[in-house]
C-alpha atoms as a PDB file:
ATOM      1  CA  MET A   1     127.051  84.115  88.591  1.00  0.00           C
ATOM      2  CA  THR A   2     125.787  86.952  86.506  1.00  0.00           C
ATOM      3  CA  ASP A   3     125.204  90.118  87.699  1.00  0.00           C
ATOM      4  CA  ARG A   4     121.843  91.310  86.074  1.00  0.00           C
ATOM      5  CA  GLN A   5     119.005  93.223  87.103  1.00  0.00           C
ATOM      6  CA  ASP A   6     115.171  92.312  86.472  1.00  0.00           C
ATOM      7  CA  PRO A   7     113.999  94.157  83.797  1.00  0.00           C
ATOM      8  CA  SER A   8     111.580  97.170  85.073  1.00  0.00           C
ATOM      9  CA  LEU A   9     107.608  96.664  84.562  1.00  0.00           C
ATOM     10  CA  ILE A  10     107.549 100.562  85.074  1.00  0.00           C
ATOM     11  CA  ASP A  11     107.467 102.400  81.450  1.00  0.00           C
ATOM     12  CA  TYR A  12     109.232 105.426  82.825  1.00  0.00           C
ATOM     13  CA  PRO A  13     108.454 108.524  82.617  1.00  0.00           C
ATOM     14  CA  CYS A  14     105.133 107.477  84.241  1.00  0.00           C
ATOM     15  CA  GLU A  15     103.208 109.184  87.200  1.00  0.00           C
ATOM     16  CA  PHE A  16     103.155 107.206  90.177  1.00  0.00           C
ATOM     17  CA  PRO A  17     101.200 107.360  93.775  1.00  0.00           C
ATOM     18  CA  LEU A  18     102.912 106.528  96.873  1.00  0.00           C
ATOM     19  CA  LYS A  19     101.116 106.393  99.963  1.00  0.00           C
ATOM     20  CA  ILE A  20     102.891 106.810 103.030  1.00  0.00           C
ATOM     21  CA  MET A  21     101.288 106.015 106.472  1.00  0.00           C
ATOM     22  CA  GLY A  22     102.727 107.139 109.990  1.00  0.00           C
ATOM     23  CA  SER A  23     101.140 108.352 113.223  1.00  0.00           C
ATOM     24  CA  THR A  24      98.918 111.177 113.362  1.00  0.00           C
ATOM     25  CA  ARG A  25     101.555 114.197 114.702  1.00  0.00           C
ATOM     26  CA  ALA A  26     102.910 117.475 113.788  1.00  0.00           C
ATOM     27  CA  GLY A  27     105.390 117.458 111.259  1.00  0.00           C
ATOM     28  CA  PHE A  28     104.691 114.029 109.952  1.00  0.00           C
ATOM     29  CA  ALA A  29     103.363 114.986 106.345  1.00  0.00           C
ATOM     30  CA  GLN A  30     105.923 118.114 106.103  1.00  0.00           C
ATOM     31  CA  GLY A  31     108.597 115.397 107.075  1.00  0.00           C
ATOM     32  CA  VAL A  32     106.941 112.929 104.042  1.00  0.00           C
ATOM     33  CA  LEU A  33     107.146 116.264 101.613  1.00  0.00           C
ATOM     34  CA  GLU A  34     110.850 117.060 102.416  1.00  0.00           C
ATOM     35  CA  VAL A  35     112.038 113.610 101.230  1.00  0.00           C
ATOM     36  CA  VAL A  36     109.739 113.104  98.479  1.00  0.00           C
ATOM     37  CA  ARG A  37     110.733 116.612  96.850  1.00  0.00           C
ATOM     38  CA  ARG A  38     114.600 115.651  97.388  1.00  0.00           C
ATOM     39  CA  HIS A  39     113.998 112.761  94.994  1.00  0.00           C
ATOM     40  CA  ALA A  40     111.123 114.184  92.823  1.00  0.00           C
ATOM     41  CA  PRO A  41     112.257 118.109  92.840  1.00  0.00           C
ATOM     42  CA  ASP A  42     109.312 118.715  90.447  1.00  0.00           C
ATOM     43  CA  PHE A  43     106.435 117.230  92.702  1.00  0.00           C
ATOM     44  CA  ASP A  44     104.015 119.857  93.736  1.00  0.00           C
ATOM     45  CA  GLY A  45     103.049 119.713  97.478  1.00  0.00           C
ATOM     46  CA  ALA A  46      99.873 121.173  96.894  1.00  0.00           C
ATOM     47  CA  THR A  47      98.269 117.884  94.890  1.00  0.00           C
ATOM     48  CA  MET A  48      99.321 115.783  98.424  1.00  0.00           C
ATOM     49  CA  GLU A  49      96.322 113.697  99.692  1.00  0.00           C
ATOM     50  CA  MET A  50      95.840 113.117 103.208  1.00  0.00           C
ATOM     51  CA  LYS A  51      93.597 111.126 105.338  1.00  0.00           C
ATOM     52  CA  THR A  52      93.323 110.295 108.809  1.00  0.00           C
ATOM     53  CA  SER A  53      92.361 106.882 109.997  1.00  0.00           C
ATOM     54  CA  LYS A  54      88.967 105.956 111.715  1.00  0.00           C
ATOM     55  CA  ARG A  55      89.952 107.040 115.358  1.00  0.00           C
ATOM     56  CA  GLY A  56      92.551 109.206 113.909  1.00  0.00           C
ATOM     57  CA  LYS A  57      95.553 107.359 115.309  1.00  0.00           C
ATOM     58  CA  TYR A  58      97.296 107.397 111.871  1.00  0.00           C
ATOM     59  CA  LEU A  59      97.288 109.772 108.879  1.00  0.00           C
ATOM     60  CA  SER A  60      97.985 108.611 105.112  1.00  0.00           C
ATOM     61  CA  VAL A  61      99.678 111.178 102.764  1.00  0.00           C
ATOM     62  CA  THR A  62      99.236 110.244  99.017  1.00  0.00           C
ATOM     63  CA  CYS A  63     102.232 111.768  96.416  1.00  0.00           C
ATOM     64  CA  THR A  64     101.485 111.025  93.124  1.00  0.00           C
ATOM     65  CA  ILE A  65     105.220 111.932  91.620  1.00  0.00           C
ATOM     66  CA  ASN A  66     106.805 111.997  87.712  1.00  0.00           C
ATOM     67  CA  ALA A  67     108.813 109.051  88.598  1.00  0.00           C
ATOM     68  CA  VAL A  68     111.349 109.017  85.937  1.00  0.00           C
ATOM     69  CA  SER A  69     113.852 105.766  87.056  1.00  0.00           C
ATOM     70  CA  ARG A  70     113.649 102.665  89.204  1.00  0.00           C
ATOM     71  CA  GLU A  71     116.918 103.643  90.787  1.00  0.00           C
ATOM     72  CA  GLN A  72     114.613 107.112  92.138  1.00  0.00           C
ATOM     73  CA  LEU A  73     112.132 105.097  93.192  1.00  0.00           C
ATOM     74  CA  ASP A  74     114.249 102.344  94.995  1.00  0.00           C
ATOM     75  CA  ALA A  75     116.001 105.672  96.777  1.00  0.00           C
ATOM     76  CA  LEU A  76     112.815 106.844  97.668  1.00  0.00           C
ATOM     77  CA  TYR A  77     110.600 104.372  98.745  1.00  0.00           C
ATOM     78  CA  GLN A  78     114.337 103.728 100.861  1.00  0.00           C
ATOM     79  CA  GLU A  79     114.579 107.038 102.627  1.00  0.00           C
ATOM     80  CA  LEU A  80     110.607 107.045 103.524  1.00  0.00           C
ATOM     81  CA  CYS A  81     111.010 103.083 105.027  1.00  0.00           C
ATOM     82  CA  ASP A  82     114.103 104.827 106.863  1.00  0.00           C
ATOM     83  CA  HIS A  83     112.388 107.867 108.248  1.00  0.00           C
ATOM     84  CA  PRO A  84     111.443 107.661 111.707  1.00  0.00           C
ATOM     85  CA  MET A  85     108.119 109.126 111.563  1.00  0.00           C
ATOM     86  CA  VAL A  86     106.808 106.847 108.861  1.00  0.00           C
ATOM     87  CA  VAL A  87     105.445 103.254 109.514  1.00  0.00           C
ATOM     88  CA  MET A  88     104.667 101.968 106.035  1.00  0.00           C
ATOM     89  CA  VAL A  89     105.345 103.033 102.407  1.00  0.00           C
ATOM     90  CA  LEU A  90     102.879 101.483  99.731  1.00  0.00           C
END
């Protein structure tokens, strides 16, 4: 059995949008920003796009980062998915 990694379908570096969803509550957007900046230190928080759901129960935050590697994206997705305020990451 060989240990091979599938080739990436993404050409790095590139702009990569992440949509992070969670319940609308204090600290959600700031928590997301802190995680994103740990993995993409050059991310400008002023570019975050936020949208509440129709009834206001959920908030989606879109962060477009400069992705430099698959490992960076994998680690970022993992930390976001493990965050207690995050419901879903696309």
